[in-house]
Amino acid sequence: MSPKRGDRVAPPADPAGGWDLRFATTDAVKGWDALCQQAAANTLTAWTELRTRPDAPAPTSRHHQLKGSLATPAHGGTTMEQWQYEVTASGRLWYLVDADRRILWIKAAGTAHPKATD
């Protein structure tokens, strides 16, 4: 999705070596916008924490790798770890970790609890 007049300005890539966050799906773009509208401060905190994510973060109750078949899906022909970040009580980000390229692919974002884990 290319930005157009009136869209928010995306920050540039971090030359200091932070993680680059990119959308993996169009639904993630829409969900991200919904999260920004519903919980802007929490979404900004999530964005900041993911940009500075350690290479091997310690899982917490709000930020952990998904389990079972959701733990390692493929994206672009490459199998990657999939993690969940709880932005709000029900709002979630699911992202894939491309460690070689230091890219976190936002695969799902939304204000409601994902049905795939019900």
PDB file of N, CA and C in Angstrom:
ATOM      1  N   MET A   1       0.847  -1.163   0.000  1.00  0.00           N
ATOM      2  CA  MET A   1       0.000   0.000   0.000  1.00  0.00           C
ATOM      3  C   MET A   1       0.897   1.232   0.000  1.00  0.00           C
ATOM      4  N   SER A   2       0.841   1.971  -1.039  1.00  0.00           N
ATOM      5  CA  SER A   2       1.656   3.173  -1.145  1.00  0.00           C
ATOM      6  C   SER A   2       0.975   4.328  -0.422  1.00  0.00           C
ATOM      7  N   PRO A   3       1.768   5.146   0.247  1.00  0.00           N
ATOM      8  CA  PRO A   3       1.162   6.287   0.924  1.00  0.00           C
ATOM      9  C   PRO A   3       0.635   7.298  -0.090  1.00  0.00           C
ATOM     10  N   LYS A   4      -0.358   8.010   0.321  1.00  0.00           N
ATOM     11  CA  LYS A   4      -0.921   9.045  -0.533  1.00  0.00           C
ATOM     12  C   LYS A   4      -1.170  10.294   0.306  1.00  0.00           C
ATOM     13  N   ARG A   5      -1.553  11.349  -0.348  1.00  0.00           N
ATOM     14  CA  ARG A   5      -1.803  12.619   0.315  1.00  0.00           C
ATOM     15  C   ARG A   5      -2.726  12.418   1.519  1.00  0.00           C
ATOM     16  N   GLY A   6      -2.334  12.973   2.634  1.00  0.00           N
ATOM     17  CA  GLY A   6      -3.117  12.867   3.856  1.00  0.00           C
ATOM     18  C   GLY A   6      -2.719  11.714   4.749  1.00  0.00           C
ATOM     19  N   ASP A   7      -1.909  10.748   4.242  1.00  0.00           N
ATOM     20  CA  ASP A   7      -1.474   9.615   5.060  1.00  0.00           C
ATOM     21  C   ASP A   7      -0.395  10.064   6.038  1.00  0.00           C
ATOM     22  N   ARG A   8      -0.246   9.299   7.106  1.00  0.00           N
ATOM     23  CA  ARG A   8       0.818   9.555   8.058  1.00  0.00           C
ATOM     24  C   ARG A   8       2.165   9.290   7.402  1.00  0.00           C
ATOM     25  N   VAL A   9       3.191   9.984   7.869  1.00  0.00           N
ATOM     26  CA  VAL A   9       4.547   9.807   7.350  1.00  0.00           C
ATOM     27  C   VAL A   9       5.219   8.692   8.142  1.00  0.00           C
ATOM     28  N   ALA A  10       5.711   7.685   7.437  1.00  0.00           N
ATOM     29  CA  ALA A  10       6.416   6.577   8.084  1.00  0.00           C
ATOM     30  C   ALA A  10       7.827   7.022   8.443  1.00  0.00           C
ATOM     31  N   PRO A  11       8.350   6.555   9.573  1.00  0.00           N
ATOM     32  CA  PRO A  11       9.726   6.919   9.928  1.00  0.00           C
ATOM     33  C   PRO A  11      10.729   6.245   8.994  1.00  0.00           C
ATOM     34  N   PRO A  12      11.887   6.844   8.821  1.00  0.00           N
ATOM     35  CA  PRO A  12      12.893   6.222   7.957  1.00  0.00           C
ATOM     36  C   PRO A  12      13.518   5.000   8.635  1.00  0.00           C
ATOM     37  N   ALA A  13      14.241   4.216   7.864  1.00  0.00           N
ATOM     38  CA  ALA A  13      14.952   3.068   8.420  1.00  0.00           C
ATOM     39  C   ALA A  13      15.973   3.562   9.429  1.00  0.00           C
ATOM     40  N   ASP A  14      16.229   2.751  10.451  1.00  0.00           N
ATOM     41  CA  ASP A  14      17.156   3.119  11.518  1.00  0.00           C
ATOM     42  C   ASP A  14      18.576   2.725  11.121  1.00  0.00           C
ATOM     43  N   PRO A  15      19.452   3.706  10.875  1.00  0.00           N
ATOM     44  CA  PRO A  15      20.830   3.358  10.492  1.00  0.00           C
ATOM     45  C   PRO A  15      21.615   2.757  11.649  1.00  0.00           C
ATOM     46  N   ALA A  16      21.094   2.865  12.889  1.00  0.00           N
ATOM     47  CA  ALA A  16      21.802   2.317  14.051  1.00  0.00           C
ATOM     48  C   ALA A  16      21.596   0.817  14.201  1.00  0.00           C
ATOM     49  N   GLY A  17      20.799   0.219  13.330  1.00  0.00           N
ATOM     50  CA  GLY A  17      20.684  -1.239  13.356  1.00  0.00           C
ATOM     51  C   GLY A  17      19.474  -1.784  14.069  1.00  0.00           C
ATOM     52  N   GLY A  18      18.470  -0.973  14.350  1.00  0.00           N
ATOM     53  CA  GLY A  18      17.238  -1.479  14.954  1.00  0.00           C
ATOM     54  C   GLY A  18      16.492  -2.353  13.953  1.00  0.00           C
ATOM     55  N   TRP A  19      15.503  -3.052  14.448  1.00  0.00           N
ATOM     56  CA  TRP A  19      14.684  -3.890  13.578  1.00  0.00           C
ATOM     57  C   TRP A  19      13.827  -3.006  12.681  1.00  0.00           C
ATOM     58  N   ASP A  20      13.617  -3.450  11.456  1.00  0.00           N
ATOM     59  CA  ASP A  20      12.745  -2.770  10.510  1.00  0.00           C
ATOM     60  C   ASP A  20      11.387  -3.464  10.592  1.00  0.00           C
ATOM     61  N   LEU A  21      10.321  -2.709  10.818  1.00  0.00           N
ATOM     62  CA  LEU A  21       8.970  -3.276  10.886  1.00  0.00           C
ATOM     63  C   LEU A  21       8.273  -3.060   9.554  1.00  0.00           C
ATOM     64  N   ARG A  22       7.751  -4.145   8.989  1.00  0.00           N
ATOM     65  CA  ARG A  22       7.039  -4.075   7.706  1.00  0.00           C
ATOM     66  C   ARG A  22       5.758  -4.883   7.797  1.00  0.00           C
ATOM     67  N   PHE A  23       4.766  -4.457   7.030  1.00  0.00           N
ATOM     68  CA  PHE A  23       3.504  -5.193   6.986  1.00  0.00           C
ATOM     69  C   PHE A  23       3.647  -6.387   6.047  1.00  0.00           C
ATOM     70  N   ALA A  24       3.177  -7.550   6.501  1.00  0.00           N
ATOM     71  CA  ALA A  24       3.191  -8.752   5.672  1.00  0.00           C
ATOM     72  C   ALA A  24       1.872  -8.940   4.939  1.00  0.00           C
ATOM     73  N   THR A  25       0.807  -8.288   5.428  1.00  0.00           N
ATOM     74  CA  THR A  25      -0.515  -8.460   4.821  1.00  0.00           C
ATOM     75  C   THR A  25      -1.268  -7.128   4.803  1.00  0.00           C
ATOM     76  N   THR A  26      -2.219  -7.026   3.899  1.00  0.00           N
ATOM     77  CA  THR A  26      -3.079  -5.838   3.843  1.00  0.00           C
ATOM     78  C   THR A  26      -3.962  -5.756   5.080  1.00  0.00           C
ATOM     79  N   ASP A  27      -4.410  -6.899   5.583  1.00  0.00           N
ATOM     80  CA  ASP A  27      -5.217  -6.894   6.799  1.00  0.00           C
ATOM     81  C   ASP A  27      -4.426  -6.341   7.986  1.00  0.00           C
ATOM     82  N   ALA A  28      -3.115  -6.593   8.003  1.00  0.00           N
ATOM     83  CA  ALA A  28      -2.286  -6.051   9.084  1.00  0.00           C
ATOM     84  C   ALA A  28      -2.231  -4.524   9.013  1.00  0.00           C
ATOM     85  N   VAL A  29      -2.218  -3.971   7.803  1.00  0.00           N
ATOM     86  CA  VAL A  29      -2.232  -2.505   7.638  1.00  0.00           C
ATOM     87  C   VAL A  29      -3.508  -1.937   8.248  1.00  0.00           C
ATOM     88  N   LYS A  30      -4.630  -2.552   7.916  1.00  0.00           N
ATOM     89  CA  LYS A  30      -5.915  -2.081   8.439  1.00  0.00           C
ATOM     90  C   LYS A  30      -5.986  -2.255   9.956  1.00  0.00           C
ATOM     91  N   GLY A  31      -5.506  -3.389  10.447  1.00  0.00           N
ATOM     92  CA  GLY A  31      -5.530  -3.633  11.883  1.00  0.00           C
ATOM     93  C   GLY A  31      -4.624  -2.688  12.649  1.00  0.00           C
ATOM     94  N   TRP A  32      -3.467  -2.361  12.050  1.00  0.00           N
ATOM     95  CA  TRP A  32      -2.542  -1.421  12.673  1.00  0.00           C
ATOM     96  C   TRP A  32      -3.206  -0.052  12.813  1.00  0.00           C
ATOM     97  N   ASP A  33      -3.870   0.393  11.765  1.00  0.00           N
ATOM     98  CA  ASP A  33      -4.575   1.674  11.826  1.00  0.00           C
ATOM     99  C   ASP A  33      -5.653   1.657  12.912  1.00  0.00           C
ATOM    100  N   ALA A  34      -6.368   0.537  13.025  1.00  0.00           N
ATOM    101  CA  ALA A  34      -7.397   0.433  14.067  1.00  0.00           C
ATOM    102  C   ALA A  34      -6.769   0.494  15.459  1.00  0.00           C
ATOM    103  N   LEU A  35      -5.622  -0.191  15.640  1.00  0.00           N
ATOM    104  CA  LEU A  35      -4.927  -0.137  16.930  1.00  0.00           C
ATOM    105  C   LEU A  35      -4.464   1.283  17.233  1.00  0.00           C
ATOM    106  N   CYS A  36      -3.942   1.984  16.221  1.00  0.00           N
ATOM    107  CA  CYS A  36      -3.475   3.360  16.416  1.00  0.00           C
ATOM    108  C   CYS A  36      -4.623   4.267  16.833  1.00  0.00           C
ATOM    109  N   GLN A  37      -5.794   4.045  16.282  1.00  0.00           N
ATOM    110  CA  GLN A  37      -6.939   4.876  16.633  1.00  0.00           C
ATOM    111  C   GLN A  37      -7.479   4.536  18.015  1.00  0.00           C
ATOM    112  N   GLN A  38      -7.472   3.248  18.371  1.00  0.00           N
ATOM    113  CA  GLN A  38      -8.053   2.830  19.650  1.00  0.00           C
ATOM    114  C   GLN A  38      -7.092   3.004  20.819  1.00  0.00           C
ATOM    115  N   ALA A  39      -5.811   2.731  20.600  1.00  0.00           N
ATOM    116  CA  ALA A  39      -4.839   2.760  21.702  1.00  0.00           C
ATOM    117  C   ALA A  39      -3.505   3.295  21.172  1.00  0.00           C
ATOM    118  N   ALA A  40      -3.479   4.574  20.866  1.00  0.00           N
ATOM    119  CA  ALA A  40      -2.288   5.169  20.242  1.00  0.00           C
ATOM    120  C   ALA A  40      -1.038   5.029  21.114  1.00  0.00           C
ATOM    121  N   ALA A  41      -1.155   5.310  22.393  1.00  0.00           N
ATOM    122  CA  ALA A  41       0.024   5.258  23.270  1.00  0.00           C
ATOM    123  C   ALA A  41       0.566   3.828  23.369  1.00  0.00           C
ATOM    124  N   ASN A  42      -0.322   2.847  23.541  1.00  0.00           N
ATOM    125  CA  ASN A  42       0.126   1.454  23.633  1.00  0.00           C
ATOM    126  C   ASN A  42       0.737   0.979  22.317  1.00  0.00           C
ATOM    127  N   THR A  43       0.168   1.411  21.205  1.00  0.00           N
ATOM    128  CA  THR A  43       0.698   0.995  19.906  1.00  0.00           C
ATOM    129  C   THR A  43       2.069   1.623  19.665  1.00  0.00           C
ATOM    130  N   LEU A  44       2.244   2.869  20.079  1.00  0.00           N
ATOM    131  CA  LEU A  44       3.559   3.504  19.965  1.00  0.00           C
ATOM    132  C   LEU A  44       4.580   2.779  20.842  1.00  0.00           C
ATOM    133  N   THR A  45       4.177   2.379  22.041  1.00  0.00           N
ATOM    134  CA  THR A  45       5.081   1.617  22.917  1.00  0.00           C
ATOM    135  C   THR A  45       5.467   0.297  22.256  1.00  0.00           C
ATOM    136  N   ALA A  46       4.497  -0.383  21.656  1.00  0.00           N
ATOM    137  CA  ALA A  46       4.783  -1.651  20.969  1.00  0.00           C
ATOM    138  C   ALA A  46       5.763  -1.429  19.821  1.00  0.00           C
ATOM    139  N   TRP A  47       5.509  -0.401  19.026  1.00  0.00           N
ATOM    140  CA  TRP A  47       6.388  -0.103  17.886  1.00  0.00           C
ATOM    141  C   TRP A  47       7.819   0.159  18.373  1.00  0.00           C
ATOM    142  N   THR A  48       7.944   0.953  19.429  1.00  0.00           N
ATOM    143  CA  THR A  48       9.265   1.284  19.965  1.00  0.00           C
ATOM    144  C   THR A  48       9.962   0.038  20.508  1.00  0.00           C
ATOM    145  N   GLU A  49       9.231  -0.791  21.259  1.00  0.00           N
ATOM    146  CA  GLU A  49       9.839  -1.995  21.826  1.00  0.00           C
ATOM    147  C   GLU A  49      10.246  -2.985  20.741  1.00  0.00           C
ATOM    148  N   LEU A  50       9.433  -3.121  19.713  1.00  0.00           N
ATOM    149  CA  LEU A  50       9.792  -4.063  18.649  1.00  0.00           C
ATOM    150  C   LEU A  50      10.985  -3.550  17.854  1.00  0.00           C
ATOM    151  N   ARG A  51      11.085  -2.235  17.645  1.00  0.00           N
ATOM    152  CA  ARG A  51      12.241  -1.682  16.906  1.00  0.00           C
ATOM    153  C   ARG A  51      13.550  -1.967  17.637  1.00  0.00           C
ATOM    154  N   THR A  52      13.504  -2.039  18.974  1.00  0.00           N
ATOM    155  CA  THR A  52      14.710  -2.260  19.771  1.00  0.00           C
ATOM    156  C   THR A  52      14.737  -3.659  20.368  1.00  0.00           C
ATOM    157  N   ARG A  53      13.969  -4.560  19.796  1.00  0.00           N
ATOM    158  CA  ARG A  53      13.835  -5.930  20.297  1.00  0.00           C
ATOM    159  C   ARG A  53      15.204  -6.617  20.366  1.00  0.00           C
ATOM    160  N   PRO A  54      15.508  -7.289  21.490  1.00  0.00           N
ATOM    161  CA  PRO A  54      16.727  -8.103  21.527  1.00  0.00           C
ATOM    162  C   PRO A  54      16.633  -9.243  20.505  1.00  0.00           C
ATOM    163  N   ASP A  55      17.787  -9.751  20.089  1.00  0.00           N
ATOM    164  CA  ASP A  55      17.787 -10.854  19.123  1.00  0.00           C
ATOM    165  C   ASP A  55      17.111 -12.100  19.699  1.00  0.00           C
ATOM    166  N   ALA A  56      17.247 -12.306  20.999  1.00  0.00           N
ATOM    167  CA  ALA A  56      16.624 -13.461  21.659  1.00  0.00           C
ATOM    168  C   ALA A  56      15.886 -12.956  22.902  1.00  0.00           C
ATOM    169  N   PRO A  57      14.707 -12.362  22.731  1.00  0.00           N
ATOM    170  CA  PRO A  57      13.998 -11.799  23.897  1.00  0.00           C
ATOM    171  C   PRO A  57      13.498 -12.889  24.839  1.00  0.00           C
ATOM    172  N   ALA A  58      13.446 -12.551  26.111  1.00  0.00           N
ATOM    173  CA  ALA A  58      12.858 -13.466  27.094  1.00  0.00           C
ATOM    174  C   ALA A  58      11.342 -13.340  26.995  1.00  0.00           C
ATOM    175  N   PRO A  59      10.647 -14.454  26.810  1.00  0.00           N
ATOM    176  CA  PRO A  59       9.186 -14.381  26.714  1.00  0.00           C
ATOM    177  C   PRO A  59       8.569 -13.852  28.006  1.00  0.00           C
ATOM    178  N   THR A  60       7.503 -13.074  27.865  1.00  0.00           N
ATOM    179  CA  THR A  60       6.731 -12.596  29.008  1.00  0.00           C
ATOM    180  C   THR A  60       5.278 -12.985  28.760  1.00  0.00           C
ATOM    181  N   SER A  61       4.410 -12.681  29.702  1.00  0.00           N
ATOM    182  CA  SER A  61       2.997 -13.020  29.507  1.00  0.00           C
ATOM    183  C   SER A  61       2.369 -12.179  28.403  1.00  0.00           C
ATOM    184  N   ARG A  62       2.953 -11.027  28.072  1.00  0.00           N
ATOM    185  CA  ARG A  62       2.393 -10.151  27.040  1.00  0.00           C
ATOM    186  C   ARG A  62       3.173 -10.180  25.724  1.00  0.00           C
ATOM    187  N   HIS A  63       4.312 -10.863  25.714  1.00  0.00           N
ATOM    188  CA  HIS A  63       5.141 -10.901  24.513  1.00  0.00           C
ATOM    189  C   HIS A  63       5.834 -12.253  24.461  1.00  0.00           C
ATOM    190  N   HIS A  64       5.385 -13.099  23.558  1.00  0.00           N
ATOM    191  CA  HIS A  64       5.930 -14.456  23.517  1.00  0.00           C
ATOM    192  C   HIS A  64       5.747 -15.063  22.131  1.00  0.00           C
ATOM    193  N   GLN A  65       6.511 -16.129  21.880  1.00  0.00           N
ATOM    194  CA  GLN A  65       6.359 -16.853  20.621  1.00  0.00           C
ATOM    195  C   GLN A  65       5.080 -17.677  20.688  1.00  0.00           C
ATOM    196  N   LEU A  66       4.334 -17.705  19.582  1.00  0.00           N
ATOM    197  CA  LEU A  66       3.118 -18.510  19.530  1.00  0.00           C
ATOM    198  C   LEU A  66       3.487 -19.991  19.554  1.00  0.00           C
ATOM    199  N   LYS A  67       2.508 -20.826  19.836  1.00  0.00           N
ATOM    200  CA  LYS A  67       2.761 -22.263  20.003  1.00  0.00           C
ATOM    201  C   LYS A  67       2.123 -23.074  18.883  1.00  0.00           C
ATOM    202  N   GLY A  68       2.509 -24.329  18.800  1.00  0.00           N
ATOM    203  CA  GLY A  68       1.934 -25.268  17.844  1.00  0.00           C
ATOM    204  C   GLY A  68       2.223 -24.861  16.408  1.00  0.00           C
ATOM    205  N   SER A  69       1.211 -25.028  15.551  1.00  0.00           N
ATOM    206  CA  SER A  69       1.395 -24.718  14.130  1.00  0.00           C
ATOM    207  C   SER A  69       1.554 -23.222  13.883  1.00  0.00           C
ATOM    208  N   LEU A  70       1.201 -22.389  14.845  1.00  0.00           N
ATOM    209  CA  LEU A  70       1.350 -20.933  14.693  1.00  0.00           C
ATOM    210  C   LEU A  70       2.769 -20.462  15.029  1.00  0.00           C
ATOM    211  N   ALA A  71       3.596 -21.345  15.588  1.00  0.00           N
ATOM    212  CA  ALA A  71       4.923 -20.946  16.060  1.00  0.00           C
ATOM    213  C   ALA A  71       5.896 -20.635  14.935  1.00  0.00           C
ATOM    214  N   THR A  72       5.762 -21.317  13.793  1.00  0.00           N
ATOM    215  CA  THR A  72       6.751 -21.135  12.726  1.00  0.00           C
ATOM    216  C   THR A  72       6.088 -21.210  11.350  1.00  0.00           C
ATOM    217  N   PRO A  73       5.276 -20.218  10.989  1.00  0.00           N
ATOM    218  CA  PRO A  73       4.694 -20.207   9.639  1.00  0.00           C
ATOM    219  C   PRO A  73       5.724 -19.725   8.607  1.00  0.00           C
ATOM    220  N   ALA A  74       5.375 -19.855   7.348  1.00  0.00           N
ATOM    221  CA  ALA A  74       6.249 -19.399   6.265  1.00  0.00           C
ATOM    222  C   ALA A  74       5.769 -18.053   5.743  1.00  0.00           C
ATOM    223  N   HIS A  75       6.718 -17.264   5.283  1.00  0.00           N
ATOM    224  CA  HIS A  75       6.427 -15.990   4.623  1.00  0.00           C
ATOM    225  C   HIS A  75       7.455 -15.815   3.514  1.00  0.00           C
ATOM    226  N   GLY A  76       6.981 -15.635   2.306  1.00  0.00           N
ATOM    227  CA  GLY A  76       7.894 -15.471   1.182  1.00  0.00           C
ATOM    228  C   GLY A  76       8.767 -16.702   0.958  1.00  0.00           C
ATOM    229  N   GLY A  77       8.248 -17.875   1.302  1.00  0.00           N
ATOM    230  CA  GLY A  77       8.992 -19.109   1.091  1.00  0.00           C
ATOM    231  C   GLY A  77       9.968 -19.441   2.208  1.00  0.00           C
ATOM    232  N   THR A  78      10.002 -18.633   3.252  1.00  0.00           N
ATOM    233  CA  THR A  78      10.922 -18.864   4.361  1.00  0.00           C
ATOM    234  C   THR A  78      10.128 -19.085   5.647  1.00  0.00           C
ATOM    235  N   THR A  79      10.499 -20.109   6.381  1.00  0.00           N
ATOM    236  CA  THR A  79       9.869 -20.383   7.667  1.00  0.00           C
ATOM    237  C   THR A  79      10.528 -19.512   8.738  1.00  0.00           C
ATOM    238  N   MET A  80       9.697 -18.842   9.529  1.00  0.00           N
ATOM    239  CA  MET A  80      10.203 -17.923  10.552  1.00  0.00           C
ATOM    240  C   MET A  80       9.451 -18.130  11.855  1.00  0.00           C
ATOM    241  N   GLU A  81      10.059 -17.676  12.946  1.00  0.00           N
ATOM    242  CA  GLU A  81       9.370 -17.659  14.234  1.00  0.00           C
ATOM    243  C   GLU A  81       8.239 -16.637  14.174  1.00  0.00           C
ATOM    244  N   GLN A  82       7.114 -16.980  14.802  1.00  0.00           N
ATOM    245  CA  GLN A  82       6.011 -16.018  14.897  1.00  0.00           C
ATOM    246  C   GLN A  82       5.770 -15.696  16.374  1.00  0.00           C
ATOM    247  N   TRP A  83       5.770 -14.410  16.685  1.00  0.00           N
ATOM    248  CA  TRP A  83       5.591 -13.937  18.055  1.00  0.00           C
ATOM    249  C   TRP A  83       4.319 -13.121  18.155  1.00  0.00           C
ATOM    250  N   GLN A  84       3.827 -13.019  19.378  1.00  0.00           N
ATOM    251  CA  GLN A  84       2.652 -12.207  19.673  1.00  0.00           C
ATOM    252  C   GLN A  84       3.035 -11.118  20.668  1.00  0.00           C
ATOM    253  N   TYR A  85       2.561  -9.907  20.407  1.00  0.00           N
ATOM    254  CA  TYR A  85       2.730  -8.795  21.338  1.00  0.00           C
ATOM    255  C   TYR A  85       1.332  -8.309  21.689  1.00  0.00           C
ATOM    256  N   GLU A  86       1.004  -8.303  22.969  1.00  0.00           N
ATOM    257  CA  GLU A  86      -0.314  -7.847  23.412  1.00  0.00           C
ATOM    258  C   GLU A  86      -0.274  -6.338  23.592  1.00  0.00           C
ATOM    259  N   VAL A  87      -0.921  -5.625  22.696  1.00  0.00           N
ATOM    260  CA  VAL A  87      -0.935  -4.160  22.729  1.00  0.00           C
ATOM    261  C   VAL A  87      -1.924  -3.668  23.783  1.00  0.00           C
ATOM    262  N   THR A  88      -3.084  -4.325  23.842  1.00  0.00           N
ATOM    263  CA  THR A  88      -4.109  -4.014  24.847  1.00  0.00           C
ATOM    264  C   THR A  88      -4.625  -5.345  25.387  1.00  0.00           C
ATOM    265  N   ALA A  89      -5.658  -5.298  26.228  1.00  0.00           N
ATOM    266  CA  ALA A  89      -6.204  -6.538  26.783  1.00  0.00           C
ATOM    267  C   ALA A  89      -6.654  -7.490  25.676  1.00  0.00           C
ATOM    268  N   SER A  90      -7.179  -6.954  24.574  1.00  0.00           N
ATOM    269  CA  SER A  90      -7.603  -7.817  23.467  1.00  0.00           C
ATOM    270  C   SER A  90      -6.843  -7.529  22.171  1.00  0.00           C
ATOM    271  N   GLY A  91      -6.213  -6.392  22.040  1.00  0.00           N
ATOM    272  CA  GLY A  91      -5.480  -6.027  20.829  1.00  0.00           C
ATOM    273  C   GLY A  91      -4.152  -6.749  20.735  1.00  0.00           C
ATOM    274  N   ARG A  92      -3.867  -7.278  19.557  1.00  0.00           N
ATOM    275  CA  ARG A  92      -2.662  -8.087  19.375  1.00  0.00           C
ATOM    276  C   ARG A  92      -1.909  -7.699  18.109  1.00  0.00           C
ATOM    277  N   LEU A  93      -0.602  -7.942  18.155  1.00  0.00           N
ATOM    278  CA  LEU A  93       0.247  -7.931  16.960  1.00  0.00           C
ATOM    279  C   LEU A  93       0.843  -9.317  16.854  1.00  0.00           C
ATOM    280  N   TRP A  94       0.803  -9.886  15.675  1.00  0.00           N
ATOM    281  CA  TRP A  94       1.529 -11.118  15.391  1.00  0.00           C
ATOM    282  C   TRP A  94       2.592 -10.750  14.365  1.00  0.00           C
ATOM    283  N   TYR A  95       3.809 -11.135  14.662  1.00  0.00           N
ATOM    284  CA  TYR A  95       4.878 -10.780  13.730  1.00  0.00           C
ATOM    285  C   TYR A  95       5.840 -11.943  13.531  1.00  0.00           C
ATOM    286  N   LEU A  96       6.438 -11.939  12.347  1.00  0.00           N
ATOM    287  CA  LEU A  96       7.416 -12.959  11.973  1.00  0.00           C
ATOM    288  C   LEU A  96       8.806 -12.354  12.079  1.00  0.00           C
ATOM    289  N   VAL A  97       9.780 -13.170  12.474  1.00  0.00           N
ATOM    290  CA  VAL A  97      11.136 -12.690  12.708  1.00  0.00           C
ATOM    291  C   VAL A  97      12.053 -13.157  11.580  1.00  0.00           C
ATOM    292  N   ASP A  98      12.493 -12.196  10.763  1.00  0.00           N
ATOM    293  CA  ASP A  98      13.500 -12.473   9.732  1.00  0.00           C
ATOM    294  C   ASP A  98      14.837 -11.984  10.291  1.00  0.00           C
ATOM    295  N   ALA A  99      15.502 -12.872  11.038  1.00  0.00           N
ATOM    296  CA  ALA A  99      16.726 -12.490  11.760  1.00  0.00           C
ATOM    297  C   ALA A  99      17.859 -12.125  10.814  1.00  0.00           C
ATOM    298  N   ASP A 100      17.931 -12.778   9.659  1.00  0.00           N
ATOM    299  CA  ASP A 100      19.024 -12.492   8.731  1.00  0.00           C
ATOM    300  C   ASP A 100      18.958 -11.070   8.196  1.00  0.00           C
ATOM    301  N   ARG A 101      17.754 -10.593   7.913  1.00  0.00           N
ATOM    302  CA  ARG A 101      17.575  -9.246   7.344  1.00  0.00           C
ATOM    303  C   ARG A 101      17.150  -8.217   8.395  1.00  0.00           C
ATOM    304  N   ARG A 102      16.973  -8.669   9.651  1.00  0.00           N
ATOM    305  CA  ARG A 102      16.534  -7.803  10.768  1.00  0.00           C
ATOM    306  C   ARG A 102      15.230  -7.087  10.434  1.00  0.00           C
ATOM    307  N   ILE A 103      14.281  -7.889   9.924  1.00  0.00           N
ATOM    308  CA  ILE A 103      12.947  -7.385   9.608  1.00  0.00           C
ATOM    309  C   ILE A 103      11.929  -8.142  10.454  1.00  0.00           C
ATOM    310  N   LEU A 104      11.005  -7.400  11.057  1.00  0.00           N
ATOM    311  CA  LEU A 104       9.862  -8.003  11.736  1.00  0.00           C
ATOM    312  C   LEU A 104       8.659  -7.761  10.841  1.00  0.00           C
ATOM    313  N   TRP A 105       8.095  -8.848  10.329  1.00  0.00           N
ATOM    314  CA  TRP A 105       6.956  -8.771   9.417  1.00  0.00           C
ATOM    315  C   TRP A 105       5.678  -8.796  10.233  1.00  0.00           C
ATOM    316  N   ILE A 106       4.922  -7.701  10.263  1.00  0.00           N
ATOM    317  CA  ILE A 106       3.651  -7.660  10.986  1.00  0.00           C
ATOM    318  C   ILE A 106       2.642  -8.422  10.147  1.00  0.00           C
ATOM    319  N   LYS A 107       2.299  -9.618  10.616  1.00  0.00           N
ATOM    320  CA  LYS A 107       1.407 -10.489   9.860  1.00  0.00           C
ATOM    321  C   LYS A 107      -0.053 -10.242  10.211  1.00  0.00           C
ATOM    322  N   ALA A 108      -0.307  -9.901  11.456  1.00  0.00           N
ATOM    323  CA  ALA A 108      -1.677  -9.628  11.890  1.00  0.00           C
ATOM    324  C   ALA A 108      -1.644  -8.543  12.955  1.00  0.00           C
ATOM    325  N   ALA A 109      -2.632  -7.701  12.901  1.00  0.00           N
ATOM    326  CA  ALA A 109      -2.797  -6.657  13.912  1.00  0.00           C
ATOM    327  C   ALA A 109      -4.287  -6.417  14.038  1.00  0.00           C
ATOM    328  N   GLY A 110      -4.707  -6.115  15.245  1.00  0.00           N
ATOM    329  CA  GLY A 110      -6.123  -5.850  15.413  1.00  0.00           C
ATOM    330  C   GLY A 110      -6.487  -5.534  16.847  1.00  0.00           C
ATOM    331  N   THR A 111      -7.674  -4.995  16.991  1.00  0.00           N
ATOM    332  CA  THR A 111      -8.155  -4.596  18.308  1.00  0.00           C
ATOM    333  C   THR A 111      -8.885  -5.716  19.029  1.00  0.00           C
ATOM    334  N   ALA A 112      -9.161  -6.811  18.319  1.00  0.00           N
ATOM    335  CA  ALA A 112      -9.862  -7.944  18.929  1.00  0.00           C
ATOM    336  C   ALA A 112      -8.930  -9.142  19.046  1.00  0.00           C
ATOM    337  N   HIS A 113      -9.230 -10.017  19.987  1.00  0.00           N
ATOM    338  CA  HIS A 113      -8.429 -11.219  20.177  1.00  0.00           C
ATOM    339  C   HIS A 113      -8.489 -12.075  18.914  1.00  0.00           C
ATOM    340  N   PRO A 114      -7.340 -12.547  18.406  1.00  0.00           N
ATOM    341  CA  PRO A 114      -7.347 -13.358  17.173  1.00  0.00           C
ATOM    342  C   PRO A 114      -8.086 -14.676  17.368  1.00  0.00           C
ATOM    343  N   LYS A 115      -8.931 -15.007  16.392  1.00  0.00           N
ATOM    344  CA  LYS A 115      -9.721 -16.240  16.482  1.00  0.00           C
ATOM    345  C   LYS A 115      -8.865 -17.493  16.326  1.00  0.00           C
ATOM    346  N   ALA A 116      -7.708 -17.366  15.691  1.00  0.00           N
ATOM    347  CA  ALA A 116      -6.859 -18.539  15.452  1.00  0.00           C
ATOM    348  C   ALA A 116      -6.366 -19.172  16.744  1.00  0.00           C
ATOM    349  N   THR A 117      -6.352 -18.435  17.854  1.00  0.00           N
ATOM    350  CA  THR A 117      -5.879 -18.998  19.115  1.00  0.00           C
ATOM    351  C   THR A 117      -7.017 -19.373  20.055  1.00  0.00           C
ATOM    352  N   ASP A 118      -8.261 -19.258  19.593  1.00  0.00           N
ATOM    353  CA  ASP A 118      -9.405 -19.643  20.443  1.00  0.00           C
ATOM    354  C   ASP A 118      -9.534 -21.148  20.538  1.00  0.00           C
TER     355      ASP A 118
END
